[in-house]
PDB file of N, CA and C in Angstrom:
ATOM      1  N   MET A   1      15.364  -2.046 -64.307  1.00  0.00           N
ATOM      2  CA  MET A   1      15.399  -1.703 -65.638  1.00  0.00           C
ATOM      3  C   MET A   1      14.555  -0.404 -65.841  1.00  0.00           C
ATOM      4  N   ILE A   2      15.049   0.523 -66.758  1.00  0.00           N
ATOM      5  CA  ILE A   2      14.194   1.713 -66.947  1.00  0.00           C
ATOM      6  C   ILE A   2      14.107   1.860 -68.638  1.00  0.00           C
ATOM      7  N   ASP A   3      12.857   2.052 -68.866  1.00  0.00           N
ATOM      8  CA  ASP A   3      12.529   2.207 -70.448  1.00  0.00           C
ATOM      9  C   ASP A   3      13.043   3.577 -70.930  1.00  0.00           C
ATOM     10  N   VAL A   4      12.788   3.797 -72.166  1.00  0.00           N
ATOM     11  CA  VAL A   4      13.278   5.079 -72.831  1.00  0.00           C
ATOM     12  C   VAL A   4      12.521   6.234 -72.216  1.00  0.00           C
ATOM     13  N   GLU A   5      11.370   6.144 -71.706  1.00  0.00           N
ATOM     14  CA  GLU A   5      10.697   7.178 -71.152  1.00  0.00           C
ATOM     15  C   GLU A   5      10.981   7.571 -69.594  1.00  0.00           C
ATOM     16  N   GLY A   6      11.903   6.653 -69.131  1.00  0.00           N
ATOM     17  CA  GLY A   6      12.251   6.949 -67.811  1.00  0.00           C
ATOM     18  C   GLY A   6      11.469   6.081 -66.740  1.00  0.00           C
ATOM     19  N   ASN A   7      10.565   5.073 -67.285  1.00  0.00           N
ATOM     20  CA  ASN A   7       9.741   4.521 -66.310  1.00  0.00           C
ATOM     21  C   ASN A   7      10.468   3.038 -65.986  1.00  0.00           C
ATOM     22  N   ARG A   8      10.181   2.691 -64.828  1.00  0.00           N
ATOM     23  CA  ARG A   8      10.687   1.347 -64.308  1.00  0.00           C
ATOM     24  C   ARG A   8       9.777   0.233 -64.989  1.00  0.00           C
ATOM     25  N   SER A   9      10.455  -0.750 -65.524  1.00  0.00           N
ATOM     26  CA  SER A   9       9.661  -1.820 -66.033  1.00  0.00           C
ATOM     27  C   SER A   9       9.136  -2.696 -64.978  1.00  0.00           C
ATOM     28  N   PRO A  10       8.109  -3.572 -65.200  1.00  0.00           N
ATOM     29  CA  PRO A  10       7.595  -4.391 -64.143  1.00  0.00           C
ATOM     30  C   PRO A  10       8.563  -5.389 -63.610  1.00  0.00           C
ATOM     31  N   ARG A  11       9.601  -5.718 -64.479  1.00  0.00           N
ATOM     32  CA  ARG A  11      10.692  -6.678 -63.971  1.00  0.00           C
ATOM     33  C   ARG A  11      11.497  -6.046 -62.990  1.00  0.00           C
ATOM     34  N   ALA A  12      11.777  -4.792 -63.233  1.00  0.00           N
ATOM     35  CA  ALA A  12      12.597  -3.979 -62.215  1.00  0.00           C
ATOM     36  C   ALA A  12      11.836  -3.831 -60.946  1.00  0.00           C
ATOM     37  N   LEU A  13      10.596  -3.489 -61.123  1.00  0.00           N
ATOM     38  CA  LEU A  13       9.917  -3.380 -59.791  1.00  0.00           C
ATOM     39  C   LEU A  13       9.728  -4.687 -59.124  1.00  0.00           C
ATOM     40  N   GLY A  14       9.539  -5.754 -59.687  1.00  0.00           N
ATOM     41  CA  GLY A  14       9.604  -7.102 -59.117  1.00  0.00           C
ATOM     42  C   GLY A  14      11.046  -7.367 -58.319  1.00  0.00           C
ATOM     43  N   GLN A  15      11.929  -7.007 -58.951  1.00  0.00           N
ATOM     44  CA  GLN A  15      13.383  -7.200 -58.415  1.00  0.00           C
ATOM     45  C   GLN A  15      13.457  -6.298 -57.213  1.00  0.00           C
ATOM     46  N   TYR A  16      13.048  -5.061 -57.206  1.00  0.00           N
ATOM     47  CA  TYR A  16      13.015  -4.199 -56.157  1.00  0.00           C
ATOM     48  C   TYR A  16      12.202  -4.842 -54.911  1.00  0.00           C
ATOM     49  N   THR A  17      10.992  -5.241 -55.192  1.00  0.00           N
ATOM     50  CA  THR A  17      10.180  -5.991 -54.286  1.00  0.00           C
ATOM     51  C   THR A  17      10.957  -7.136 -53.593  1.00  0.00           C
ATOM     52  N   SER A  18      11.664  -7.837 -54.465  1.00  0.00           N
ATOM     53  CA  SER A  18      12.193  -9.070 -53.794  1.00  0.00           C
ATOM     54  C   SER A  18      13.433  -8.604 -52.911  1.00  0.00           C
ATOM     55  N   ILE A  19      14.115  -7.518 -53.307  1.00  0.00           N
ATOM     56  CA  ILE A  19      15.160  -7.120 -52.528  1.00  0.00           C
ATOM     57  C   ILE A  19      14.658  -6.630 -51.131  1.00  0.00           C
ATOM     58  N   ALA A  20      13.577  -5.767 -51.339  1.00  0.00           N
ATOM     59  CA  ALA A  20      12.910  -5.124 -50.135  1.00  0.00           C
ATOM     60  C   ALA A  20      12.440  -6.293 -49.156  1.00  0.00           C
ATOM     61  N   PHE A  21      11.792  -7.259 -49.883  1.00  0.00           N
ATOM     62  CA  PHE A  21      11.145  -8.440 -49.047  1.00  0.00           C
ATOM     63  C   PHE A  21      12.311  -9.197 -48.199  1.00  0.00           C
ATOM     64  N   GLY A  22      13.563  -9.315 -48.985  1.00  0.00           N
ATOM     65  CA  GLY A  22      14.689 -10.026 -48.301  1.00  0.00           C
ATOM     66  C   GLY A  22      15.237  -9.171 -47.194  1.00  0.00           C
ATOM     67  N   GLN A  23      15.165  -7.973 -47.373  1.00  0.00           N
ATOM     68  CA  GLN A  23      15.739  -7.061 -46.271  1.00  0.00           C
ATOM     69  C   GLN A  23      14.802  -7.131 -45.019  1.00  0.00           C
ATOM     70  N   ARG A  24      13.482  -7.185 -45.251  1.00  0.00           N
ATOM     71  CA  ARG A  24      12.375  -7.175 -44.193  1.00  0.00           C
ATOM     72  C   ARG A  24      12.605  -8.545 -43.548  1.00  0.00           C
ATOM     73  N   CYS A  25      12.890  -9.636 -44.248  1.00  0.00           N
ATOM     74  CA  CYS A  25      13.090 -10.982 -43.692  1.00  0.00           C
ATOM     75  C   CYS A  25      14.378 -10.891 -42.737  1.00  0.00           C
ATOM     76  N   GLU A  26      15.347 -10.278 -43.288  1.00  0.00           N
ATOM     77  CA  GLU A  26      16.504 -10.333 -42.539  1.00  0.00           C
ATOM     78  C   GLU A  26      16.391  -9.533 -41.162  1.00  0.00           C
ATOM     79  N   GLN A  27      15.764  -8.402 -41.348  1.00  0.00           N
ATOM     80  CA  GLN A  27      15.367  -7.537 -40.139  1.00  0.00           C
ATOM     81  C   GLN A  27      14.499  -8.413 -39.149  1.00  0.00           C
ATOM     82  N   ALA A  28      13.653  -9.179 -39.596  1.00  0.00           N
ATOM     83  CA  ALA A  28      12.746 -10.012 -38.836  1.00  0.00           C
ATOM     84  C   ALA A  28      13.469 -11.197 -38.145  1.00  0.00           C
ATOM     85  N   GLY A  29      14.522 -11.552 -38.752  1.00  0.00           N
ATOM     86  CA  GLY A  29      15.324 -12.717 -38.436  1.00  0.00           C
ATOM     87  C   GLY A  29      14.798 -13.997 -38.860  1.00  0.00           C
ATOM     88  N   VAL A  30      14.204 -13.944 -40.047  1.00  0.00           N
ATOM     89  CA  VAL A  30      13.663 -15.162 -40.678  1.00  0.00           C
ATOM     90  C   VAL A  30      14.353 -15.321 -41.958  1.00  0.00           C
ATOM     91  N   ARG A  31      14.330 -16.635 -42.479  1.00  0.00           N
ATOM     92  CA  ARG A  31      14.918 -16.936 -43.818  1.00  0.00           C
ATOM     93  C   ARG A  31      13.806 -17.082 -44.743  1.00  0.00           C
ATOM     94  N   PRO A  32      13.825 -16.420 -45.918  1.00  0.00           N
ATOM     95  CA  PRO A  32      12.762 -16.526 -46.842  1.00  0.00           C
ATOM     96  C   PRO A  32      12.702 -17.684 -47.752  1.00  0.00           C
ATOM     97  N   SER A  33      13.739 -18.446 -47.870  1.00  0.00           N
ATOM     98  CA  SER A  33      13.673 -19.735 -48.694  1.00  0.00           C
ATOM     99  C   SER A  33      12.607 -20.574 -48.336  1.00  0.00           C
ATOM    100  N   THR A  34      11.849 -21.131 -49.243  1.00  0.00           N
ATOM    101  CA  THR A  34      10.812 -21.924 -48.865  1.00  0.00           C
ATOM    102  C   THR A  34      10.937 -23.554 -49.428  1.00  0.00           C
ATOM    103  N   GLY A  35      12.008 -23.662 -50.102  1.00  0.00           N
ATOM    104  CA  GLY A  35      12.347 -25.009 -50.648  1.00  0.00           C
ATOM    105  C   GLY A  35      13.731 -25.225 -51.203  1.00  0.00           C
ATOM    106  N   ARG A  36      13.930 -26.290 -51.833  1.00  0.00           N
ATOM    107  CA  ARG A  36      15.253 -26.625 -52.347  1.00  0.00           C
ATOM    108  C   ARG A  36      15.539 -25.629 -53.509  1.00  0.00           C
ATOM    109  N   THR A  37      16.802 -25.238 -53.788  1.00  0.00           N
ATOM    110  CA  THR A  37      17.003 -24.510 -54.867  1.00  0.00           C
ATOM    111  C   THR A  37      16.793 -25.165 -56.215  1.00  0.00           C
ATOM    112  N   GLY A  38      16.009 -24.478 -57.123  1.00  0.00           N
ATOM    113  CA  GLY A  38      15.787 -24.988 -58.419  1.00  0.00           C
ATOM    114  C   GLY A  38      14.711 -26.086 -58.436  1.00  0.00           C
ATOM    115  N   THR A  39      13.920 -26.206 -57.419  1.00  0.00           N
ATOM    116  CA  THR A  39      12.988 -27.150 -57.367  1.00  0.00           C
ATOM    117  C   THR A  39      11.617 -26.514 -57.221  1.00  0.00           C
ATOM    118  N   CYS A  40      11.001 -26.304 -58.388  1.00  0.00           N
ATOM    119  CA  CYS A  40       9.722 -25.382 -58.547  1.00  0.00           C
ATOM    120  C   CYS A  40       8.560 -26.105 -57.734  1.00  0.00           C
ATOM    121  N   PHE A  41       8.498 -27.430 -57.649  1.00  0.00           N
ATOM    122  CA  PHE A  41       7.450 -28.237 -57.049  1.00  0.00           C
ATOM    123  C   PHE A  41       7.510 -27.757 -55.503  1.00  0.00           C
ATOM    124  N   ASP A  42       8.525 -27.584 -54.868  1.00  0.00           N
ATOM    125  CA  ASP A  42       8.571 -27.208 -53.409  1.00  0.00           C
ATOM    126  C   ASP A  42       7.951 -25.886 -53.188  1.00  0.00           C
ATOM    127  N   ASN A  43       8.288 -25.054 -54.119  1.00  0.00           N
ATOM    128  CA  ASN A  43       7.638 -23.593 -54.046  1.00  0.00           C
ATOM    129  C   ASN A  43       6.196 -23.630 -54.288  1.00  0.00           C
ATOM    130  N   ALA A  44       5.686 -24.477 -55.221  1.00  0.00           N
ATOM    131  CA  ALA A  44       4.311 -24.434 -55.555  1.00  0.00           C
ATOM    132  C   ALA A  44       3.430 -24.862 -54.406  1.00  0.00           C
ATOM    133  N   ILE A  45       3.828 -25.801 -53.622  1.00  0.00           N
ATOM    134  CA  ILE A  45       3.100 -26.219 -52.527  1.00  0.00           C
ATOM    135  C   ILE A  45       3.207 -25.123 -51.352  1.00  0.00           C
ATOM    136  N   THR A  46       4.431 -24.566 -51.212  1.00  0.00           N
ATOM    137  CA  THR A  46       4.489 -23.598 -50.333  1.00  0.00           C
ATOM    138  C   THR A  46       3.729 -22.355 -50.631  1.00  0.00           C
ATOM    139  N   GLU A  47       3.691 -21.877 -51.950  1.00  0.00           N
ATOM    140  CA  GLU A  47       3.037 -20.786 -52.358  1.00  0.00           C
ATOM    141  C   GLU A  47       1.487 -20.982 -52.169  1.00  0.00           C
ATOM    142  N   SER A  48       0.995 -22.072 -52.315  1.00  0.00           N
ATOM    143  CA  SER A  48      -0.373 -22.405 -52.179  1.00  0.00           C
ATOM    144  C   SER A  48      -0.709 -22.301 -50.745  1.00  0.00           C
ATOM    145  N   PHE A  49       0.206 -22.829 -49.854  1.00  0.00           N
ATOM    146  CA  PHE A  49      -0.152 -22.695 -48.443  1.00  0.00           C
ATOM    147  C   PHE A  49      -0.142 -21.263 -48.034  1.00  0.00           C
ATOM    148  N   PHE A  50       0.767 -20.434 -48.357  1.00  0.00           N
ATOM    149  CA  PHE A  50       0.723 -18.998 -47.925  1.00  0.00           C
ATOM    150  C   PHE A  50      -0.315 -18.184 -48.607  1.00  0.00           C
ATOM    151  N   ALA A  51      -0.667 -18.631 -49.780  1.00  0.00           N
ATOM    152  CA  ALA A  51      -1.994 -17.983 -50.396  1.00  0.00           C
ATOM    153  C   ALA A  51      -3.119 -18.201 -49.561  1.00  0.00           C
ATOM    154  N   SER A  52      -3.268 -19.548 -49.049  1.00  0.00           N
ATOM    155  CA  SER A  52      -4.398 -19.802 -48.257  1.00  0.00           C
ATOM    156  C   SER A  52      -4.362 -19.076 -46.872  1.00  0.00           C
ATOM    157  N   VAL A  53      -3.219 -18.981 -46.255  1.00  0.00           N
ATOM    158  CA  VAL A  53      -3.089 -18.219 -45.129  1.00  0.00           C
ATOM    159  C   VAL A  53      -3.616 -16.669 -45.222  1.00  0.00           C
ATOM    160  N   GLU A  54      -2.873 -16.176 -46.307  1.00  0.00           N
ATOM    161  CA  GLU A  54      -3.326 -14.834 -46.552  1.00  0.00           C
ATOM    162  C   GLU A  54      -4.753 -14.521 -46.886  1.00  0.00           C
ATOM    163  N   CYS A  55      -5.381 -15.350 -47.615  1.00  0.00           N
ATOM    164  CA  CYS A  55      -6.734 -15.192 -47.923  1.00  0.00           C
ATOM    165  C   CYS A  55      -7.708 -15.567 -46.839  1.00  0.00           C
ATOM    166  N   GLU A  56      -7.439 -16.477 -46.112  1.00  0.00           N
ATOM    167  CA  GLU A  56      -8.368 -17.031 -45.119  1.00  0.00           C
ATOM    168  C   GLU A  56      -8.092 -16.692 -43.591  1.00  0.00           C
ATOM    169  N   LEU A  57      -6.840 -15.879 -43.392  1.00  0.00           N
ATOM    170  CA  LEU A  57      -6.640 -15.450 -42.182  1.00  0.00           C
ATOM    171  C   LEU A  57      -6.261 -14.028 -42.143  1.00  0.00           C
ATOM    172  N   ILE A  58      -5.089 -13.711 -42.819  1.00  0.00           N
ATOM    173  CA  ILE A  58      -4.638 -12.367 -42.680  1.00  0.00           C
ATOM    174  C   ILE A  58      -5.346 -11.302 -43.285  1.00  0.00           C
ATOM    175  N   ASP A  59      -5.990 -11.478 -44.578  1.00  0.00           N
ATOM    176  CA  ASP A  59      -6.857 -10.538 -45.130  1.00  0.00           C
ATOM    177  C   ASP A  59      -8.190 -10.245 -44.388  1.00  0.00           C
ATOM    178  N   ARG A  60      -8.514 -11.099 -43.440  1.00  0.00           N
ATOM    179  CA  ARG A  60      -9.791 -10.968 -42.732  1.00  0.00           C
ATOM    180  C   ARG A  60      -9.694 -10.318 -41.325  1.00  0.00           C
ATOM    181  N   ARG A  61      -8.645  -9.997 -40.971  1.00  0.00           N
ATOM    182  CA  ARG A  61      -8.542  -9.308 -39.713  1.00  0.00           C
ATOM    183  C   ARG A  61      -7.210  -8.560 -39.479  1.00  0.00           C
ATOM    184  N   THR A  62      -7.199  -7.766 -38.432  1.00  0.00           N
ATOM    185  CA  THR A  62      -6.049  -7.008 -38.088  1.00  0.00           C
ATOM    186  C   THR A  62      -5.507  -7.416 -36.808  1.00  0.00           C
ATOM    187  N   PHE A  63      -4.197  -7.523 -36.611  1.00  0.00           N
ATOM    188  CA  PHE A  63      -3.579  -7.975 -35.243  1.00  0.00           C
ATOM    189  C   PHE A  63      -2.987  -6.894 -34.761  1.00  0.00           C
ATOM    190  N   ARG A  64      -3.085  -6.674 -33.385  1.00  0.00           N
ATOM    191  CA  ARG A  64      -2.555  -5.544 -32.610  1.00  0.00           C
ATOM    192  C   ARG A  64      -1.235  -5.741 -32.331  1.00  0.00           C
ATOM    193  N   THR A  65      -0.753  -7.031 -32.063  1.00  0.00           N
ATOM    194  CA  THR A  65       0.531  -7.396 -31.672  1.00  0.00           C
ATOM    195  C   THR A  65       1.091  -8.565 -32.509  1.00  0.00           C
ATOM    196  N   ARG A  66       2.352  -8.736 -32.517  1.00  0.00           N
ATOM    197  CA  ARG A  66       3.042  -9.884 -33.136  1.00  0.00           C
ATOM    198  C   ARG A  66       2.496 -11.218 -32.411  1.00  0.00           C
ATOM    199  N   SER A  67       2.425 -11.139 -31.109  1.00  0.00           N
ATOM    200  CA  SER A  67       2.126 -12.397 -30.352  1.00  0.00           C
ATOM    201  C   SER A  67       0.651 -12.756 -30.696  1.00  0.00           C
ATOM    202  N   GLU A  68      -0.275 -11.790 -30.896  1.00  0.00           N
ATOM    203  CA  GLU A  68      -1.621 -12.087 -31.340  1.00  0.00           C
ATOM    204  C   GLU A  68      -1.689 -12.722 -32.683  1.00  0.00           C
ATOM    205  N   ALA A  69      -0.762 -12.297 -33.632  1.00  0.00           N
ATOM    206  CA  ALA A  69      -0.833 -12.770 -34.911  1.00  0.00           C
ATOM    207  C   ALA A  69      -0.114 -14.200 -34.829  1.00  0.00           C
ATOM    208  N   GLU A  70       0.840 -14.443 -34.103  1.00  0.00           N
ATOM    209  CA  GLU A  70       1.419 -15.818 -34.002  1.00  0.00           C
ATOM    210  C   GLU A  70       0.304 -16.704 -33.347  1.00  0.00           C
ATOM    211  N   ARG A  71      -0.396 -16.442 -32.344  1.00  0.00           N
ATOM    212  CA  ARG A  71      -1.366 -17.289 -31.831  1.00  0.00           C
ATOM    213  C   ARG A  71      -2.509 -17.543 -32.841  1.00  0.00           C
ATOM    214  N   ALA A  72      -2.865 -16.504 -33.620  1.00  0.00           N
ATOM    215  CA  ALA A  72      -3.949 -16.781 -34.747  1.00  0.00           C
ATOM    216  C   ALA A  72      -3.388 -17.658 -35.772  1.00  0.00           C
ATOM    217  N   LEU A  73      -2.171 -17.594 -36.140  1.00  0.00           N
ATOM    218  CA  LEU A  73      -1.549 -18.333 -37.187  1.00  0.00           C
ATOM    219  C   LEU A  73      -1.507 -19.907 -36.707  1.00  0.00           C
ATOM    220  N   PHE A  74      -1.111 -20.025 -35.504  1.00  0.00           N
ATOM    221  CA  PHE A  74      -0.938 -21.364 -34.781  1.00  0.00           C
ATOM    222  C   PHE A  74      -2.404 -21.960 -34.840  1.00  0.00           C
ATOM    223  N   SER A  75      -3.374 -21.258 -34.354  1.00  0.00           N
ATOM    224  CA  SER A  75      -4.786 -21.714 -34.325  1.00  0.00           C
ATOM    225  C   SER A  75      -5.306 -22.130 -35.660  1.00  0.00           C
ATOM    226  N   TYR A  76      -4.999 -21.286 -36.680  1.00  0.00           N
ATOM    227  CA  TYR A  76      -5.278 -21.654 -38.036  1.00  0.00           C
ATOM    228  C   TYR A  76      -4.711 -22.856 -38.584  1.00  0.00           C
ATOM    229  N   ILE A  77      -3.525 -23.061 -38.421  1.00  0.00           N
ATOM    230  CA  ILE A  77      -2.740 -24.218 -38.905  1.00  0.00           C
ATOM    231  C   ILE A  77      -3.232 -25.479 -38.071  1.00  0.00           C
ATOM    232  N   GLU A  78      -3.157 -25.495 -36.751  1.00  0.00           N
ATOM    233  CA  GLU A  78      -3.423 -26.603 -36.059  1.00  0.00           C
ATOM    234  C   GLU A  78      -4.911 -26.898 -35.802  1.00  0.00           C
ATOM    235  N   GLY A  79      -5.728 -25.786 -35.902  1.00  0.00           N
ATOM    236  CA  GLY A  79      -7.094 -26.025 -35.679  1.00  0.00           C
ATOM    237  C   GLY A  79      -7.991 -26.149 -36.844  1.00  0.00           C
ATOM    238  N   PHE A  80      -7.515 -25.674 -38.014  1.00  0.00           N
ATOM    239  CA  PHE A  80      -8.320 -25.645 -39.243  1.00  0.00           C
ATOM    240  C   PHE A  80      -7.436 -26.178 -40.301  1.00  0.00           C
ATOM    241  N   TYR A  81      -6.384 -25.644 -40.859  1.00  0.00           N
ATOM    242  CA  TYR A  81      -5.755 -26.141 -42.042  1.00  0.00           C
ATOM    243  C   TYR A  81      -5.276 -27.523 -41.930  1.00  0.00           C
ATOM    244  N   ASN A  82      -4.679 -27.932 -40.976  1.00  0.00           N
ATOM    245  CA  ASN A  82      -4.287 -29.488 -40.921  1.00  0.00           C
ATOM    246  C   ASN A  82      -5.384 -30.493 -40.602  1.00  0.00           C
ATOM    247  N   PRO A  83      -6.235 -30.133 -39.626  1.00  0.00           N
ATOM    248  CA  PRO A  83      -7.189 -31.220 -39.287  1.00  0.00           C
ATOM    249  C   PRO A  83      -8.508 -31.179 -40.149  1.00  0.00           C
ATOM    250  N   ARG A  84      -8.880 -29.933 -40.552  1.00  0.00           N
ATOM    251  CA  ARG A  84     -10.248 -29.880 -41.275  1.00  0.00           C
ATOM    252  C   ARG A  84     -10.230 -29.438 -42.720  1.00  0.00           C
ATOM    253  N   ARG A  85      -9.285 -28.790 -43.075  1.00  0.00           N
ATOM    254  CA  ARG A  85      -9.269 -28.048 -44.496  1.00  0.00           C
ATOM    255  C   ARG A  85      -9.112 -29.105 -45.605  1.00  0.00           C
ATOM    256  N   ARG A  86      -9.893 -29.315 -46.568  1.00  0.00           N
ATOM    257  CA  ARG A  86      -9.770 -30.327 -47.535  1.00  0.00           C
ATOM    258  C   ARG A  86      -8.858 -29.702 -48.582  1.00  0.00           C
ATOM    259  N   HIS A  87      -7.871 -30.484 -49.093  1.00  0.00           N
ATOM    260  CA  HIS A  87      -6.887 -30.230 -50.086  1.00  0.00           C
ATOM    261  C   HIS A  87      -7.156 -30.996 -51.337  1.00  0.00           C
ATOM    262  N   SER A  88      -7.163 -30.351 -52.523  1.00  0.00           N
ATOM    263  CA  SER A  88      -7.277 -31.069 -53.766  1.00  0.00           C
ATOM    264  C   SER A  88      -6.055 -31.975 -53.959  1.00  0.00           C
ATOM    265  N   ALA A  89      -4.849 -31.647 -53.544  1.00  0.00           N
ATOM    266  CA  ALA A  89      -3.693 -32.499 -53.823  1.00  0.00           C
ATOM    267  C   ALA A  89      -3.793 -33.842 -52.983  1.00  0.00           C
ATOM    268  N   ASN A  90      -4.775 -33.908 -51.945  1.00  0.00           N
ATOM    269  CA  ASN A  90      -4.800 -35.029 -51.059  1.00  0.00           C
ATOM    270  C   ASN A  90      -6.126 -35.644 -51.427  1.00  0.00           C
ATOM    271  N   GLY A  91      -6.664 -35.625 -52.549  1.00  0.00           N
ATOM    272  CA  GLY A  91      -7.844 -36.249 -52.800  1.00  0.00           C
ATOM    273  C   GLY A  91      -9.093 -35.762 -51.991  1.00  0.00           C
ATOM    274  N   GLN A  92      -9.114 -34.499 -51.726  1.00  0.00           N
ATOM    275  CA  GLN A  92     -10.112 -33.685 -50.981  1.00  0.00           C
ATOM    276  C   GLN A  92     -10.152 -34.244 -49.569  1.00  0.00           C
ATOM    277  N   LEU A  93      -8.981 -34.670 -49.053  1.00  0.00           N
ATOM    278  CA  LEU A  93      -8.934 -35.123 -47.667  1.00  0.00           C
ATOM    279  C   LEU A  93      -8.162 -34.002 -46.935  1.00  0.00           C
ATOM    280  N   SER A  94      -8.358 -33.781 -45.631  1.00  0.00           N
ATOM    281  CA  SER A  94      -7.522 -32.841 -44.807  1.00  0.00           C
ATOM    282  C   SER A  94      -6.116 -33.496 -44.607  1.00  0.00           C
ATOM    283  N   PRO A  95      -5.169 -32.729 -44.492  1.00  0.00           N
ATOM    284  CA  PRO A  95      -3.685 -33.524 -44.250  1.00  0.00           C
ATOM    285  C   PRO A  95      -3.860 -34.422 -43.202  1.00  0.00           C
ATOM    286  N   VAL A  96      -4.518 -34.244 -42.090  1.00  0.00           N
ATOM    287  CA  VAL A  96      -4.649 -35.306 -40.966  1.00  0.00           C
ATOM    288  C   VAL A  96      -5.247 -36.465 -41.427  1.00  0.00           C
ATOM    289  N   GLU A  97      -6.417 -36.389 -42.219  1.00  0.00           N
ATOM    290  CA  GLU A  97      -7.137 -37.390 -42.691  1.00  0.00           C
ATOM    291  C   GLU A  97      -6.296 -38.279 -43.712  1.00  0.00           C
ATOM    292  N   TYR A  98      -5.554 -37.478 -44.537  1.00  0.00           N
ATOM    293  CA  TYR A  98      -4.696 -38.091 -45.619  1.00  0.00           C
ATOM    294  C   TYR A  98      -3.619 -38.894 -44.844  1.00  0.00           C
ATOM    295  N   GLU A  99      -2.981 -38.443 -43.788  1.00  0.00           N
ATOM    296  CA  GLU A  99      -2.029 -39.323 -43.157  1.00  0.00           C
ATOM    297  C   GLU A  99      -2.574 -40.498 -42.451  1.00  0.00           C
ATOM    298  N   ARG A 100      -3.799 -40.249 -41.817  1.00  0.00           N
ATOM    299  CA  ARG A 100      -4.564 -41.437 -41.189  1.00  0.00           C
ATOM    300  C   ARG A 100      -4.722 -42.533 -42.291  1.00  0.00           C
ATOM    301  N   HIS A 101      -5.252 -42.145 -43.421  1.00  0.00           N
ATOM    302  CA  HIS A 101      -5.646 -42.963 -44.489  1.00  0.00           C
ATOM    303  C   HIS A 101      -4.408 -43.730 -45.057  1.00  0.00           C
ATOM    304  N   HIS A 102      -3.324 -43.027 -45.013  1.00  0.00           N
ATOM    305  CA  HIS A 102      -2.083 -43.422 -45.732  1.00  0.00           C
ATOM    306  C   HIS A 102      -1.376 -44.630 -44.639  1.00  0.00           C
ATOM    307  N   ALA A 103      -1.571 -44.232 -43.410  1.00  0.00           N
ATOM    308  CA  ALA A 103      -0.979 -45.079 -42.245  1.00  0.00           C
ATOM    309  C   ALA A 103      -1.749 -46.455 -42.253  1.00  0.00           C
ATOM    310  N   LEU A 104      -3.201 -46.305 -42.383  1.00  0.00           N
ATOM    311  CA  LEU A 104      -3.999 -47.489 -42.421  1.00  0.00           C
ATOM    312  C   LEU A 104      -3.662 -48.375 -43.570  1.00  0.00           C
ATOM    313  N   LYS A 105      -3.535 -47.702 -44.732  1.00  0.00           N
ATOM    314  CA  LYS A 105      -3.280 -48.481 -45.948  1.00  0.00           C
ATOM    315  C   LYS A 105      -1.851 -49.193 -45.871  1.00  0.00           C
ATOM    316  N   ASN A 106      -0.876 -48.647 -45.322  1.00  0.00           N
ATOM    317  CA  ASN A 106       0.432 -49.137 -45.085  1.00  0.00           C
ATOM    318  C   ASN A 106       0.324 -50.396 -44.151  1.00  0.00           C
ATOM    319  N   ALA A 107      -0.454 -50.194 -43.029  1.00  0.00           N
ATOM    320  CA  ALA A 107      -0.739 -51.214 -42.086  1.00  0.00           C
ATOM    321  C   ALA A 107      -1.227 -52.399 -42.716  1.00  0.00           C
ATOM    322  N   LYS A 108      -2.230 -52.137 -43.623  1.00  0.00           N
ATOM    323  CA  LYS A 108      -2.949 -53.337 -44.223  1.00  0.00           C
ATOM    324  C   LYS A 108      -1.976 -54.060 -45.137  1.00  0.00           C
ATOM    325  N   ASP A 109      -1.269 -53.212 -45.720  1.00  0.00           N
ATOM    326  CA  ASP A 109      -0.225 -53.830 -46.845  1.00  0.00           C
ATOM    327  C   ASP A 109       0.831 -54.638 -46.036  1.00  0.00           C
ATOM    328  N   LEU A 110       1.249 -54.293 -44.894  1.00  0.00           N
ATOM    329  CA  LEU A 110       2.164 -54.900 -44.205  1.00  0.00           C
ATOM    330  C   LEU A 110       1.465 -56.170 -43.559  1.00  0.00           C
ATOM    331  N   ASP A 111       0.178 -56.161 -43.039  1.00  0.00           N
ATOM    332  CA  ASP A 111      -0.433 -57.358 -42.657  1.00  0.00           C
ATOM    333  C   ASP A 111      -0.477 -58.341 -43.770  1.00  0.00           C
ATOM    334  N   TYR A 112      -0.879 -57.824 -44.858  1.00  0.00           N
ATOM    335  CA  TYR A 112      -1.140 -58.779 -46.212  1.00  0.00           C
ATOM    336  C   TYR A 112       0.230 -59.472 -46.524  1.00  0.00           C
ATOM    337  N   ALA A 113       1.331 -58.669 -46.391  1.00  0.00           N
ATOM    338  CA  ALA A 113       2.700 -59.098 -46.725  1.00  0.00           C
ATOM    339  C   ALA A 113       3.232 -60.173 -45.771  1.00  0.00           C
ATOM    340  N   ALA A 114       2.739 -60.061 -44.521  1.00  0.00           N
ATOM    341  CA  ALA A 114       3.215 -60.827 -43.476  1.00  0.00           C
ATOM    342  C   ALA A 114       2.509 -62.250 -43.467  1.00  0.00           C
ATOM    343  N   ALA A 115       1.233 -62.203 -44.053  1.00  0.00           N
ATOM    344  CA  ALA A 115       0.309 -63.490 -44.051  1.00  0.00           C
ATOM    345  C   ALA A 115       0.901 -64.499 -45.111  1.00  0.00           C
TER     346      ALA A 115
END
């Protein structure tokens, strides 16, 4: 969209960015969709994750190669984000702690039901 003075509106710039982003994803061989169509809750969780990755990893260093970036991302997710980083959505437990807590609770519930 262009206003009467010939300037692009922020909405038009966002649309252009989305198109450019989609094209970059296609060139890289990745699919940009992060959730089910029309389900904003899927996107909120994914957006939060990627904001954390950007702030806590990408903005803090420069990668010389794609392979180096892939290794750093794997280390961030498997070495910090899942086992140690606390999440407000999980009652301030890390994802690994939350799964462990949930599994123990379910095991106790099953033991109680079997008794």
